[in-house]
Amino acid sequence: MNIRRPGTGIALTATVTALCLTALSPAYASPNTPSPTPSPSATAKSQSLVAPLKYQLSLKGQRQETNYFCVPASSSMSLSTFGVNVSQSTLAKKMKTTPSGGTKRVNALPVVNAYVKARGYKYTVPADTAGNPVLLMSRVANNVGQLHRAPVLGVWMEQLPWNKGKIKGSKVGHAILAYGYDRVAGTITVYDPWKPTGGTHTIKASVLAGLLQPGGMYYISKL
């Protein structure tokens, strides 16, 4: 399936534009084929055995410092759950983030992995989470409830419920963070670094899975 590259900006008003192309977008996907992942049913079953039904991490939210720092901002928050304190600007420099191109996944993934490898963890990008709410909930529950880490999620910005009618464009790449969930309610708590409409939001897993980018999760696992 061919997905059109997002436009050069997102118009919030007639005079305000923004660009936040996330590394998780297919337009910026790594040329390497993702590693094979377990079947959704097997993965969901194994992860649900160890994660509590409900959990939320303590998180200090960050708003992105520029219109195109969504990946560095979300990555900075994710790394903070490992006890790693690194600024958005430092990550943006290492990830080669630019105003015109945002952040490419092929540049971002090695950077975050360099920070967590010595702690015995790694980030990977499974290809089977988008469109699968059961597996998405299972993966978030594993990362947040069992490992106590917060994964970055790549989404289509204009499709987020809190952005409906506020963002122009189609398939506008954006990065947010998952840091809580409730399996009984079927909800996931996220932090969106986008200044105008971001902050903490609770969203149904069924809705969130439908607006994830393909390969739209920096899944955390132990080495």
N, C-alpha and C. Protein backbone atom coordinates (compact mmCIF):
# COMPACT_ATOMS: atom_id res chain seq x y z
N MET A 1 0.85 -1.20 0.00
CA MET A 1 0.00 0.00 0.00
C MET A 1 0.88 1.23 0.00
N ASN A 2 0.67 2.09 -0.98
CA ASN A 2 1.45 3.31 -1.06
C ASN A 2 0.78 4.41 -0.26
N ILE A 3 1.54 5.06 0.61
CA ILE A 3 1.00 6.14 1.43
C ILE A 3 1.71 7.43 1.06
N ARG A 4 0.92 8.42 0.75
CA ARG A 4 1.48 9.68 0.30
C ARG A 4 2.28 10.36 1.39
N ARG A 5 3.41 10.94 1.02
CA ARG A 5 4.20 11.71 1.98
C ARG A 5 3.40 12.89 2.47
N PRO A 6 3.45 13.17 3.78
CA PRO A 6 2.72 14.34 4.31
C PRO A 6 3.16 15.62 3.63
N GLY A 7 2.28 16.60 3.65
CA GLY A 7 2.59 17.87 3.04
C GLY A 7 3.68 18.61 3.77
N THR A 8 4.04 19.75 3.27
CA THR A 8 5.15 20.49 3.84
C THR A 8 4.79 21.23 5.10
N GLY A 9 3.54 21.23 5.51
CA GLY A 9 3.18 21.92 6.74
C GLY A 9 1.78 21.60 7.16
N ILE A 10 1.45 21.96 8.39
CA ILE A 10 0.11 21.77 8.93
C ILE A 10 -0.42 23.13 9.31
N ALA A 11 -1.44 23.59 8.67
CA ALA A 11 -1.96 24.92 8.96
C ALA A 11 -2.93 24.86 10.13
N LEU A 12 -2.59 25.56 11.20
CA LEU A 12 -3.48 25.64 12.35
C LEU A 12 -4.35 26.87 12.26
N THR A 13 -3.81 27.92 11.72
CA THR A 13 -4.58 29.13 11.43
C THR A 13 -4.07 29.62 10.08
N ALA A 14 -4.58 30.73 9.65
CA ALA A 14 -4.14 31.26 8.36
C ALA A 14 -2.68 31.69 8.41
N THR A 15 -2.15 31.93 9.60
CA THR A 15 -0.79 32.47 9.68
C THR A 15 0.17 31.54 10.41
N VAL A 16 -0.32 30.43 10.95
CA VAL A 16 0.54 29.55 11.72
C VAL A 16 0.65 28.20 11.02
N THR A 17 1.86 27.77 10.73
CA THR A 17 2.07 26.46 10.13
C THR A 17 3.05 25.68 10.97
N ALA A 18 3.02 24.38 10.82
CA ALA A 18 3.90 23.53 11.60
C ALA A 18 4.25 22.29 10.82
N LEU A 19 5.36 21.69 11.15
CA LEU A 19 5.78 20.46 10.51
C LEU A 19 6.36 19.54 11.54
N CYS A 20 5.84 18.34 11.64
CA CYS A 20 6.38 17.38 12.59
C CYS A 20 6.32 16.00 11.96
N LEU A 21 7.21 15.75 11.02
CA LEU A 21 7.22 14.48 10.34
C LEU A 21 7.98 13.48 11.18
N THR A 22 7.28 12.45 11.62
CA THR A 22 7.89 11.51 12.53
C THR A 22 8.66 10.43 11.82
N ALA A 23 9.66 9.93 12.52
CA ALA A 23 10.49 8.88 11.98
C ALA A 23 9.73 7.59 11.74
N LEU A 24 8.53 7.48 12.30
CA LEU A 24 7.79 6.24 12.15
C LEU A 24 6.97 6.22 10.88
N SER A 25 6.93 7.33 10.15
CA SER A 25 6.17 7.38 8.92
C SER A 25 6.78 6.49 7.86
N PRO A 26 5.95 5.78 7.06
CA PRO A 26 6.49 4.95 5.99
C PRO A 26 7.37 5.72 5.03
N ALA A 27 7.09 7.02 4.86
CA ALA A 27 7.92 7.81 3.96
C ALA A 27 9.35 7.90 4.44
N TYR A 28 9.57 7.65 5.73
CA TYR A 28 10.90 7.76 6.29
C TYR A 28 11.32 6.46 6.97
N ALA A 29 10.74 5.36 6.52
CA ALA A 29 11.04 4.08 7.15
C ALA A 29 12.46 3.64 6.85
N SER A 30 13.01 2.86 7.78
CA SER A 30 14.32 2.29 7.58
C SER A 30 14.30 1.35 6.40
N PRO A 31 15.36 1.31 5.60
CA PRO A 31 15.40 0.38 4.48
C PRO A 31 15.48 -1.07 4.94
N ASN A 32 15.83 -1.28 6.21
CA ASN A 32 15.92 -2.64 6.72
C ASN A 32 14.54 -3.19 7.01
N THR A 33 14.30 -4.44 6.66
CA THR A 33 13.02 -5.08 6.94
C THR A 33 12.90 -5.36 8.42
N PRO A 34 11.77 -5.03 9.06
CA PRO A 34 11.62 -5.28 10.50
C PRO A 34 11.81 -6.75 10.81
N SER A 35 12.33 -7.03 12.01
CA SER A 35 12.52 -8.40 12.43
C SER A 35 11.17 -9.08 12.58
N PRO A 36 11.11 -10.40 12.29
CA PRO A 36 9.84 -11.12 12.45
C PRO A 36 9.34 -11.00 13.88
N THR A 37 8.04 -10.89 14.03
CA THR A 37 7.45 -10.77 15.36
C THR A 37 6.51 -11.93 15.60
N PRO A 38 6.28 -12.28 16.88
CA PRO A 38 5.36 -13.37 17.18
C PRO A 38 3.96 -13.04 16.67
N SER A 39 3.14 -14.08 16.50
CA SER A 39 1.76 -13.86 16.07
C SER A 39 1.05 -13.01 17.10
N PRO A 40 0.08 -12.16 16.67
CA PRO A 40 -0.62 -11.29 17.62
C PRO A 40 -1.24 -12.04 18.78
N SER A 41 -1.85 -13.19 18.53
CA SER A 41 -2.51 -13.92 19.60
C SER A 41 -1.51 -14.44 20.62
N ALA A 42 -0.37 -14.96 20.14
CA ALA A 42 0.64 -15.48 21.05
C ALA A 42 1.28 -14.37 21.86
N THR A 43 1.55 -13.24 21.19
CA THR A 43 2.16 -12.11 21.89
C THR A 43 1.22 -11.55 22.94
N ALA A 44 -0.04 -11.35 22.57
CA ALA A 44 -1.01 -10.80 23.51
C ALA A 44 -1.17 -11.71 24.72
N LYS A 45 -1.22 -13.03 24.50
CA LYS A 45 -1.40 -13.97 25.59
C LYS A 45 -0.22 -13.95 26.55
N SER A 46 1.00 -13.96 26.01
CA SER A 46 2.19 -14.01 26.87
C SER A 46 2.37 -12.74 27.66
N GLN A 47 2.06 -11.59 27.06
CA GLN A 47 2.25 -10.32 27.75
C GLN A 47 1.15 -10.06 28.78
N SER A 48 -0.06 -10.52 28.50
CA SER A 48 -1.16 -10.26 29.42
C SER A 48 -1.01 -11.06 30.72
N LEU A 49 -0.17 -12.10 30.71
CA LEU A 49 0.01 -12.92 31.90
C LEU A 49 0.80 -12.20 32.98
N VAL A 50 1.57 -11.20 32.62
CA VAL A 50 2.46 -10.57 33.58
C VAL A 50 2.10 -9.11 33.86
N ALA A 51 1.38 -8.46 32.99
CA ALA A 51 1.06 -7.04 33.18
C ALA A 51 -0.23 -6.88 33.99
N PRO A 52 -0.27 -5.92 34.93
CA PRO A 52 -1.50 -5.67 35.69
C PRO A 52 -2.61 -5.14 34.77
N LEU A 53 -3.83 -5.20 35.26
CA LEU A 53 -4.96 -4.76 34.45
C LEU A 53 -4.93 -3.25 34.19
N LYS A 54 -4.33 -2.50 35.09
CA LYS A 54 -4.32 -1.04 34.98
C LYS A 54 -3.03 -0.50 35.56
N TYR A 55 -2.42 0.45 34.87
CA TYR A 55 -1.18 1.03 35.39
C TYR A 55 -0.92 2.36 34.69
N GLN A 56 -0.32 3.28 35.42
CA GLN A 56 0.10 4.55 34.82
C GLN A 56 1.40 4.99 35.44
N LEU A 57 2.35 5.34 34.59
CA LEU A 57 3.65 5.80 35.05
C LEU A 57 3.57 7.25 35.52
N SER A 58 4.46 7.61 36.42
CA SER A 58 4.64 9.01 36.79
C SER A 58 5.50 9.65 35.70
N LEU A 59 5.00 10.67 35.09
CA LEU A 59 5.69 11.26 33.94
C LEU A 59 5.68 12.78 34.00
N LYS A 60 6.82 13.38 33.73
CA LYS A 60 6.90 14.82 33.57
C LYS A 60 6.76 15.12 32.08
N GLY A 61 5.61 15.68 31.71
CA GLY A 61 5.34 15.93 30.30
C GLY A 61 6.21 17.02 29.71
N GLN A 62 6.44 16.91 28.42
CA GLN A 62 7.22 17.91 27.69
C GLN A 62 6.45 18.34 26.45
N ARG A 63 6.42 19.65 26.21
CA ARG A 63 5.91 20.15 24.94
C ARG A 63 7.09 20.34 24.00
N GLN A 64 6.90 20.01 22.75
CA GLN A 64 8.01 20.10 21.79
C GLN A 64 8.46 21.54 21.62
N GLU A 65 9.76 21.71 21.56
CA GLU A 65 10.36 23.05 21.55
C GLU A 65 10.21 23.74 20.20
N THR A 66 10.03 22.98 19.15
CA THR A 66 9.79 23.54 17.82
C THR A 66 8.63 22.77 17.19
N ASN A 67 8.15 23.25 16.06
CA ASN A 67 7.04 22.59 15.38
C ASN A 67 7.42 21.23 14.81
N TYR A 68 8.72 20.94 14.73
CA TYR A 68 9.16 19.68 14.11
C TYR A 68 9.95 18.79 15.09
N PHE A 69 9.81 19.04 16.38
CA PHE A 69 10.54 18.27 17.40
C PHE A 69 9.68 17.19 18.06
N CYS A 70 8.63 16.71 17.40
CA CYS A 70 7.76 15.73 18.08
C CYS A 70 8.51 14.44 18.42
N VAL A 71 9.38 13.97 17.53
CA VAL A 71 10.13 12.74 17.81
C VAL A 71 11.16 12.97 18.92
N PRO A 72 11.98 14.02 18.86
CA PRO A 72 12.90 14.27 19.97
C PRO A 72 12.18 14.47 21.31
N ALA A 73 11.05 15.18 21.30
CA ALA A 73 10.32 15.42 22.54
C ALA A 73 9.77 14.12 23.11
N SER A 74 9.13 13.31 22.28
CA SER A 74 8.58 12.04 22.74
C SER A 74 9.69 11.08 23.15
N SER A 75 10.79 11.10 22.43
CA SER A 75 11.92 10.24 22.78
C SER A 75 12.55 10.66 24.10
N SER A 76 12.63 11.96 24.34
CA SER A 76 13.17 12.46 25.61
C SER A 76 12.32 11.99 26.78
N MET A 77 10.99 12.03 26.62
CA MET A 77 10.10 11.55 27.67
C MET A 77 10.23 10.05 27.86
N SER A 78 10.32 9.33 26.76
CA SER A 78 10.48 7.87 26.85
C SER A 78 11.76 7.51 27.58
N LEU A 79 12.85 8.16 27.23
CA LEU A 79 14.14 7.89 27.87
C LEU A 79 14.12 8.27 29.35
N SER A 80 13.30 9.26 29.71
CA SER A 80 13.24 9.65 31.12
C SER A 80 12.71 8.52 31.99
N THR A 81 11.92 7.61 31.41
CA THR A 81 11.41 6.48 32.19
C THR A 81 12.50 5.43 32.43
N PHE A 82 13.64 5.59 31.80
CA PHE A 82 14.82 4.77 32.07
C PHE A 82 15.77 5.47 33.04
N GLY A 83 15.41 6.69 33.44
CA GLY A 83 16.32 7.49 34.27
C GLY A 83 17.34 8.25 33.45
N VAL A 84 17.10 8.35 32.15
CA VAL A 84 18.02 9.06 31.24
C VAL A 84 17.49 10.47 31.05
N ASN A 85 18.31 11.46 31.37
CA ASN A 85 17.93 12.86 31.22
C ASN A 85 18.67 13.45 30.03
N VAL A 86 17.98 13.60 28.92
CA VAL A 86 18.60 14.15 27.71
C VAL A 86 17.60 15.10 27.05
N SER A 87 18.08 16.25 26.61
CA SER A 87 17.20 17.29 26.09
C SER A 87 16.72 16.99 24.68
N GLN A 88 15.62 17.64 24.32
CA GLN A 88 15.10 17.53 22.96
C GLN A 88 16.13 18.00 21.94
N SER A 89 16.77 19.10 22.23
CA SER A 89 17.72 19.66 21.27
C SER A 89 18.92 18.74 21.05
N THR A 90 19.37 18.09 22.12
CA THR A 90 20.47 17.14 21.98
C THR A 90 20.05 15.96 21.12
N LEU A 91 18.85 15.44 21.39
CA LEU A 91 18.35 14.33 20.59
C LEU A 91 18.13 14.74 19.14
N ALA A 92 17.58 15.93 18.94
CA ALA A 92 17.33 16.40 17.58
C ALA A 92 18.62 16.49 16.77
N LYS A 93 19.68 16.94 17.42
CA LYS A 93 20.97 17.03 16.74
C LYS A 93 21.48 15.64 16.38
N LYS A 94 21.40 14.71 17.32
CA LYS A 94 21.88 13.36 17.07
C LYS A 94 21.01 12.63 16.05
N MET A 95 19.71 12.95 16.04
CA MET A 95 18.77 12.30 15.11
C MET A 95 18.73 12.98 13.75
N LYS A 96 19.50 14.05 13.59
CA LYS A 96 19.56 14.79 12.33
C LYS A 96 18.19 15.34 11.93
N THR A 97 17.45 15.81 12.94
CA THR A 97 16.13 16.39 12.72
C THR A 97 16.27 17.72 11.98
N THR A 98 15.41 17.96 10.99
CA THR A 98 15.46 19.20 10.22
C THR A 98 14.07 19.83 10.12
N PRO A 99 14.00 21.15 9.89
CA PRO A 99 12.69 21.80 9.74
C PRO A 99 11.92 21.27 8.55
N SER A 100 12.59 20.91 7.49
CA SER A 100 11.90 20.49 6.26
C SER A 100 11.59 18.99 6.24
N GLY A 101 12.38 18.19 6.93
CA GLY A 101 12.20 16.75 6.85
C GLY A 101 11.82 16.07 8.14
N GLY A 102 11.75 16.83 9.25
CA GLY A 102 11.44 16.22 10.52
C GLY A 102 12.52 15.23 10.95
N THR A 103 12.10 14.08 11.46
CA THR A 103 13.04 13.07 11.96
C THR A 103 12.81 11.75 11.26
N LYS A 104 13.85 11.19 10.70
CA LYS A 104 13.73 9.90 10.02
C LYS A 104 13.98 8.76 11.00
N ARG A 105 13.16 7.72 10.87
CA ARG A 105 13.29 6.59 11.78
C ARG A 105 14.68 5.96 11.72
N VAL A 106 15.25 5.89 10.53
CA VAL A 106 16.57 5.27 10.38
C VAL A 106 17.62 6.02 11.18
N ASN A 107 17.37 7.31 11.46
CA ASN A 107 18.29 8.10 12.28
C ASN A 107 17.93 8.07 13.76
N ALA A 108 16.63 7.98 14.05
CA ALA A 108 16.19 8.06 15.45
C ALA A 108 16.43 6.78 16.24
N LEU A 109 16.16 5.64 15.63
CA LEU A 109 16.22 4.38 16.36
C LEU A 109 17.61 4.08 16.94
N PRO A 110 18.69 4.25 16.18
CA PRO A 110 20.01 4.00 16.76
C PRO A 110 20.34 4.94 17.92
N VAL A 111 19.81 6.16 17.88
CA VAL A 111 20.10 7.13 18.93
C VAL A 111 19.47 6.70 20.25
N VAL A 112 18.19 6.37 20.23
CA VAL A 112 17.54 5.97 21.49
C VAL A 112 18.12 4.65 22.00
N ASN A 113 18.45 3.75 21.08
CA ASN A 113 19.03 2.48 21.50
C ASN A 113 20.40 2.65 22.14
N ALA A 114 21.14 3.65 21.70
CA ALA A 114 22.46 3.89 22.29
C ALA A 114 22.34 4.28 23.77
N TYR A 115 21.22 4.91 24.14
CA TYR A 115 21.03 5.32 25.53
C TYR A 115 20.58 4.18 26.43
N VAL A 116 19.90 3.18 25.88
CA VAL A 116 19.32 2.14 26.74
C VAL A 116 20.04 0.80 26.66
N LYS A 117 20.94 0.64 25.72
CA LYS A 117 21.62 -0.66 25.55
C LYS A 117 22.36 -1.06 26.82
N ALA A 118 23.09 -0.13 27.42
CA ALA A 118 23.86 -0.46 28.63
C ALA A 118 22.95 -0.82 29.80
N ARG A 119 21.68 -0.41 29.72
CA ARG A 119 20.72 -0.74 30.78
C ARG A 119 20.00 -2.06 30.50
N GLY A 120 20.38 -2.71 29.40
CA GLY A 120 19.83 -4.02 29.10
C GLY A 120 18.51 -4.00 28.35
N TYR A 121 18.23 -2.91 27.61
CA TYR A 121 16.99 -2.79 26.86
C TYR A 121 17.26 -2.43 25.40
N LYS A 122 16.24 -2.55 24.59
CA LYS A 122 16.33 -2.13 23.20
C LYS A 122 14.95 -1.69 22.71
N TYR A 123 14.95 -0.78 21.74
CA TYR A 123 13.74 -0.38 21.03
C TYR A 123 13.72 -1.09 19.68
N THR A 124 12.58 -1.62 19.32
CA THR A 124 12.38 -2.19 17.98
C THR A 124 11.07 -1.64 17.42
N VAL A 125 10.84 -1.87 16.14
CA VAL A 125 9.64 -1.35 15.49
C VAL A 125 8.87 -2.51 14.87
N PRO A 126 8.01 -3.18 15.64
CA PRO A 126 7.21 -4.27 15.08
C PRO A 126 6.24 -3.76 14.03
N ALA A 127 5.96 -4.60 13.06
CA ALA A 127 5.14 -4.17 11.93
C ALA A 127 3.67 -4.55 12.07
N ASP A 128 3.28 -5.11 13.23
CA ASP A 128 1.94 -5.70 13.32
C ASP A 128 1.02 -5.01 14.31
N THR A 129 1.37 -3.82 14.78
CA THR A 129 0.56 -3.16 15.81
C THR A 129 -0.54 -2.28 15.23
N ALA A 130 -0.26 -1.59 14.14
CA ALA A 130 -1.25 -0.69 13.54
C ALA A 130 -2.49 -1.48 13.13
N GLY A 131 -3.65 -0.96 13.53
CA GLY A 131 -4.90 -1.59 13.17
C GLY A 131 -5.28 -2.79 14.03
N ASN A 132 -4.48 -3.08 15.06
CA ASN A 132 -4.74 -4.24 15.92
C ASN A 132 -4.83 -3.78 17.37
N PRO A 133 -6.02 -3.41 17.84
CA PRO A 133 -6.16 -2.87 19.20
C PRO A 133 -5.78 -3.86 20.30
N VAL A 134 -6.03 -5.15 20.08
CA VAL A 134 -5.68 -6.16 21.09
C VAL A 134 -4.17 -6.23 21.27
N LEU A 135 -3.46 -6.27 20.17
CA LEU A 135 -2.00 -6.34 20.26
C LEU A 135 -1.41 -5.03 20.75
N LEU A 136 -1.99 -3.90 20.33
CA LEU A 136 -1.52 -2.61 20.81
C LEU A 136 -1.65 -2.53 22.32
N MET A 137 -2.81 -2.88 22.86
CA MET A 137 -3.01 -2.86 24.30
C MET A 137 -2.04 -3.79 25.00
N SER A 138 -1.83 -4.96 24.43
CA SER A 138 -0.91 -5.92 25.02
C SER A 138 0.51 -5.39 25.07
N ARG A 139 0.94 -4.76 23.99
CA ARG A 139 2.31 -4.22 23.95
C ARG A 139 2.47 -3.04 24.91
N VAL A 140 1.47 -2.16 24.96
CA VAL A 140 1.53 -1.03 25.88
C VAL A 140 1.51 -1.53 27.32
N ALA A 141 0.67 -2.51 27.62
CA ALA A 141 0.61 -3.07 28.97
C ALA A 141 1.93 -3.69 29.37
N ASN A 142 2.57 -4.37 28.43
CA ASN A 142 3.88 -4.96 28.71
C ASN A 142 4.92 -3.88 29.01
N ASN A 143 4.99 -2.87 28.15
CA ASN A 143 5.99 -1.82 28.33
C ASN A 143 5.73 -0.99 29.57
N VAL A 144 4.48 -0.55 29.75
CA VAL A 144 4.15 0.34 30.86
C VAL A 144 3.93 -0.41 32.16
N GLY A 145 3.13 -1.46 32.11
CA GLY A 145 2.76 -2.16 33.34
C GLY A 145 3.79 -3.12 33.87
N GLN A 146 4.52 -3.77 32.96
CA GLN A 146 5.52 -4.73 33.40
C GLN A 146 6.92 -4.13 33.48
N LEU A 147 7.35 -3.48 32.38
CA LEU A 147 8.70 -2.92 32.35
C LEU A 147 8.80 -1.53 32.96
N HIS A 148 7.66 -0.85 33.12
CA HIS A 148 7.61 0.52 33.64
C HIS A 148 8.39 1.48 32.75
N ARG A 149 8.21 1.32 31.46
CA ARG A 149 8.80 2.20 30.45
C ARG A 149 7.69 2.72 29.54
N ALA A 150 7.91 3.87 28.93
CA ALA A 150 6.89 4.49 28.09
C ALA A 150 7.34 4.47 26.63
N PRO A 151 6.60 3.79 25.76
CA PRO A 151 6.98 3.72 24.35
C PRO A 151 6.48 4.91 23.53
N VAL A 152 7.23 5.25 22.51
CA VAL A 152 6.84 6.28 21.55
C VAL A 152 5.89 5.65 20.53
N LEU A 153 4.86 6.39 20.16
CA LEU A 153 3.91 5.93 19.15
C LEU A 153 3.89 6.91 17.98
N GLY A 154 3.93 6.39 16.77
CA GLY A 154 3.80 7.21 15.58
C GLY A 154 2.36 7.19 15.10
N VAL A 155 1.75 8.34 14.98
CA VAL A 155 0.33 8.44 14.63
C VAL A 155 0.14 9.41 13.46
N TRP A 156 -1.07 9.38 12.91
CA TRP A 156 -1.47 10.40 11.93
C TRP A 156 -2.10 11.55 12.71
N MET A 157 -1.43 12.67 12.70
CA MET A 157 -1.76 13.77 13.59
C MET A 157 -3.18 14.29 13.43
N GLU A 158 -3.63 14.44 12.20
CA GLU A 158 -4.94 15.04 11.97
C GLU A 158 -6.08 14.11 12.38
N GLN A 159 -5.78 12.82 12.61
CA GLN A 159 -6.81 11.86 12.99
C GLN A 159 -6.99 11.73 14.50
N LEU A 160 -6.10 12.31 15.29
CA LEU A 160 -6.26 12.27 16.74
C LEU A 160 -7.55 12.99 17.11
N PRO A 161 -8.35 12.42 18.02
CA PRO A 161 -9.64 13.05 18.36
C PRO A 161 -9.54 14.50 18.78
N TRP A 162 -8.48 14.85 19.50
CA TRP A 162 -8.33 16.24 19.98
C TRP A 162 -7.84 17.18 18.88
N ASN A 163 -7.55 16.64 17.70
CA ASN A 163 -7.12 17.49 16.59
C ASN A 163 -8.15 17.56 15.48
N LYS A 164 -9.27 16.86 15.62
CA LYS A 164 -10.26 16.83 14.55
C LYS A 164 -10.71 18.25 14.19
N GLY A 165 -10.58 18.57 12.91
CA GLY A 165 -10.97 19.88 12.42
C GLY A 165 -9.99 20.99 12.69
N LYS A 166 -8.87 20.66 13.34
CA LYS A 166 -7.88 21.69 13.70
C LYS A 166 -6.59 21.58 12.89
N ILE A 167 -6.38 20.45 12.23
CA ILE A 167 -5.16 20.21 11.47
C ILE A 167 -5.52 19.97 10.02
N LYS A 168 -4.91 20.71 9.12
CA LYS A 168 -5.13 20.52 7.70
C LYS A 168 -4.11 19.52 7.16
N GLY A 169 -4.55 18.75 6.20
CA GLY A 169 -3.65 17.79 5.59
C GLY A 169 -4.11 16.37 5.84
N SER A 170 -3.47 15.44 5.15
CA SER A 170 -3.79 14.02 5.28
C SER A 170 -2.51 13.24 5.48
N LYS A 171 -2.55 12.23 6.37
CA LYS A 171 -1.38 11.43 6.70
C LYS A 171 -0.23 12.32 7.18
N VAL A 172 -0.53 13.16 8.15
CA VAL A 172 0.47 14.06 8.74
C VAL A 172 1.14 13.31 9.89
N GLY A 173 2.41 12.97 9.72
CA GLY A 173 3.13 12.18 10.71
C GLY A 173 3.38 12.94 12.00
N HIS A 174 3.21 12.23 13.13
CA HIS A 174 3.40 12.85 14.44
C HIS A 174 3.80 11.76 15.44
N ALA A 175 4.49 12.14 16.51
CA ALA A 175 4.91 11.20 17.55
C ALA A 175 4.35 11.62 18.90
N ILE A 176 3.80 10.65 19.62
CA ILE A 176 3.29 10.87 20.97
C ILE A 176 3.83 9.77 21.87
N LEU A 177 3.48 9.79 23.14
CA LEU A 177 4.00 8.83 24.10
C LEU A 177 2.86 8.12 24.82
N ALA A 178 2.96 6.81 24.99
CA ALA A 178 1.99 6.05 25.79
C ALA A 178 2.60 5.81 27.16
N TYR A 179 1.85 6.17 28.23
CA TYR A 179 2.41 5.97 29.57
C TYR A 179 1.40 5.45 30.59
N GLY A 180 0.24 5.05 30.12
CA GLY A 180 -0.76 4.47 31.01
C GLY A 180 -1.77 3.67 30.22
N TYR A 181 -2.51 2.81 30.91
CA TYR A 181 -3.53 2.02 30.24
C TYR A 181 -4.51 1.47 31.26
N ASP A 182 -5.67 1.06 30.77
CA ASP A 182 -6.69 0.40 31.59
C ASP A 182 -7.30 -0.68 30.70
N ARG A 183 -6.95 -1.93 30.96
CA ARG A 183 -7.41 -3.02 30.10
C ARG A 183 -8.92 -3.23 30.21
N VAL A 184 -9.48 -3.00 31.39
CA VAL A 184 -10.92 -3.18 31.57
C VAL A 184 -11.70 -2.13 30.77
N ALA A 185 -11.26 -0.89 30.87
CA ALA A 185 -11.92 0.19 30.13
C ALA A 185 -11.53 0.19 28.65
N GLY A 186 -10.42 -0.49 28.32
CA GLY A 186 -9.96 -0.53 26.94
C GLY A 186 -9.34 0.78 26.50
N THR A 187 -8.70 1.50 27.44
CA THR A 187 -8.14 2.81 27.11
C THR A 187 -6.63 2.87 27.32
N ILE A 188 -6.01 3.78 26.61
CA ILE A 188 -4.57 4.04 26.73
C ILE A 188 -4.39 5.54 27.01
N THR A 189 -3.55 5.86 27.96
CA THR A 189 -3.25 7.25 28.29
C THR A 189 -1.98 7.66 27.57
N VAL A 190 -2.04 8.77 26.86
CA VAL A 190 -0.91 9.23 26.06
C VAL A 190 -0.56 10.67 26.44
N TYR A 191 0.66 11.04 26.11
CA TYR A 191 1.06 12.44 26.23
C TYR A 191 1.46 12.92 24.84
N ASP A 192 0.78 13.95 24.38
CA ASP A 192 1.04 14.55 23.07
C ASP A 192 1.87 15.81 23.28
N PRO A 193 3.09 15.90 22.69
CA PRO A 193 3.94 17.07 22.92
C PRO A 193 3.55 18.30 22.13
N TRP A 194 2.56 18.19 21.23
CA TRP A 194 2.17 19.32 20.41
C TRP A 194 1.53 20.41 21.27
N LYS A 195 2.06 21.63 21.22
CA LYS A 195 1.65 22.69 22.14
C LYS A 195 0.17 23.07 22.07
N PRO A 196 -0.38 23.33 20.89
CA PRO A 196 -1.76 23.84 20.86
C PRO A 196 -2.82 22.90 21.41
N THR A 197 -2.68 21.60 21.17
CA THR A 197 -3.75 20.67 21.55
C THR A 197 -3.25 19.49 22.37
N GLY A 198 -1.97 19.48 22.70
CA GLY A 198 -1.37 18.31 23.34
C GLY A 198 -1.62 18.20 24.83
N GLY A 199 -0.68 17.52 25.51
CA GLY A 199 -0.84 17.22 26.91
C GLY A 199 -1.35 15.80 27.09
N THR A 200 -1.90 15.51 28.26
CA THR A 200 -2.40 14.17 28.56
C THR A 200 -3.79 13.96 27.97
N HIS A 201 -3.95 12.83 27.29
CA HIS A 201 -5.24 12.44 26.73
C HIS A 201 -5.45 10.95 26.96
N THR A 202 -6.68 10.55 27.19
CA THR A 202 -7.03 9.14 27.30
C THR A 202 -7.87 8.77 26.09
N ILE A 203 -7.48 7.69 25.42
CA ILE A 203 -8.09 7.32 24.15
C ILE A 203 -8.35 5.82 24.12
N LYS A 204 -9.42 5.41 23.49
CA LYS A 204 -9.72 3.99 23.34
C LYS A 204 -8.63 3.31 22.50
N ALA A 205 -8.21 2.14 22.92
CA ALA A 205 -7.20 1.39 22.17
C ALA A 205 -7.69 1.10 20.75
N SER A 206 -8.99 0.88 20.61
CA SER A 206 -9.55 0.60 19.29
C SER A 206 -9.42 1.80 18.35
N VAL A 207 -9.51 2.99 18.92
CA VAL A 207 -9.35 4.22 18.13
C VAL A 207 -7.88 4.46 17.83
N LEU A 208 -7.04 4.34 18.85
CA LEU A 208 -5.62 4.62 18.68
C LEU A 208 -4.98 3.66 17.68
N ALA A 209 -5.34 2.40 17.73
CA ALA A 209 -4.77 1.42 16.79
C ALA A 209 -5.10 1.79 15.36
N GLY A 210 -6.27 2.39 15.15
CA GLY A 210 -6.70 2.75 13.81
C GLY A 210 -5.98 3.95 13.22
N LEU A 211 -5.34 4.74 14.07
CA LEU A 211 -4.64 5.91 13.56
C LEU A 211 -3.12 5.83 13.73
N LEU A 212 -2.65 4.63 14.11
CA LEU A 212 -1.21 4.41 14.15
C LEU A 212 -0.64 4.34 12.74
N GLN A 213 0.57 4.86 12.57
CA GLN A 213 1.28 4.65 11.32
C GLN A 213 1.73 3.20 11.23
N PRO A 214 1.87 2.65 10.04
CA PRO A 214 2.45 1.31 9.91
C PRO A 214 3.83 1.29 10.56
N GLY A 215 4.07 0.29 11.39
CA GLY A 215 5.32 0.29 12.15
C GLY A 215 5.34 1.40 13.17
N GLY A 216 4.15 1.80 13.66
CA GLY A 216 4.04 3.01 14.47
C GLY A 216 4.23 2.82 15.95
N MET A 217 5.24 2.08 16.37
CA MET A 217 5.51 1.93 17.79
C MET A 217 6.98 1.63 18.01
N TYR A 218 7.61 2.38 18.92
CA TYR A 218 8.96 2.03 19.38
C TYR A 218 8.80 1.09 20.57
N TYR A 219 8.67 -0.18 20.29
CA TYR A 219 8.41 -1.18 21.32
C TYR A 219 9.69 -1.46 22.11
N ILE A 220 9.55 -1.54 23.41
CA ILE A 220 10.69 -1.70 24.31
C ILE A 220 10.74 -3.14 24.82
N SER A 221 11.91 -3.74 24.78
CA SER A 221 12.08 -5.10 25.29
C SER A 221 13.46 -5.22 25.92
N LYS A 222 13.63 -6.27 26.71
CA LYS A 222 14.92 -6.53 27.33
C LYS A 222 15.84 -7.27 26.36
N LEU A 223 17.11 -6.99 26.46
CA LEU A 223 18.08 -7.66 25.61
C LEU A 223 18.21 -9.13 26.00
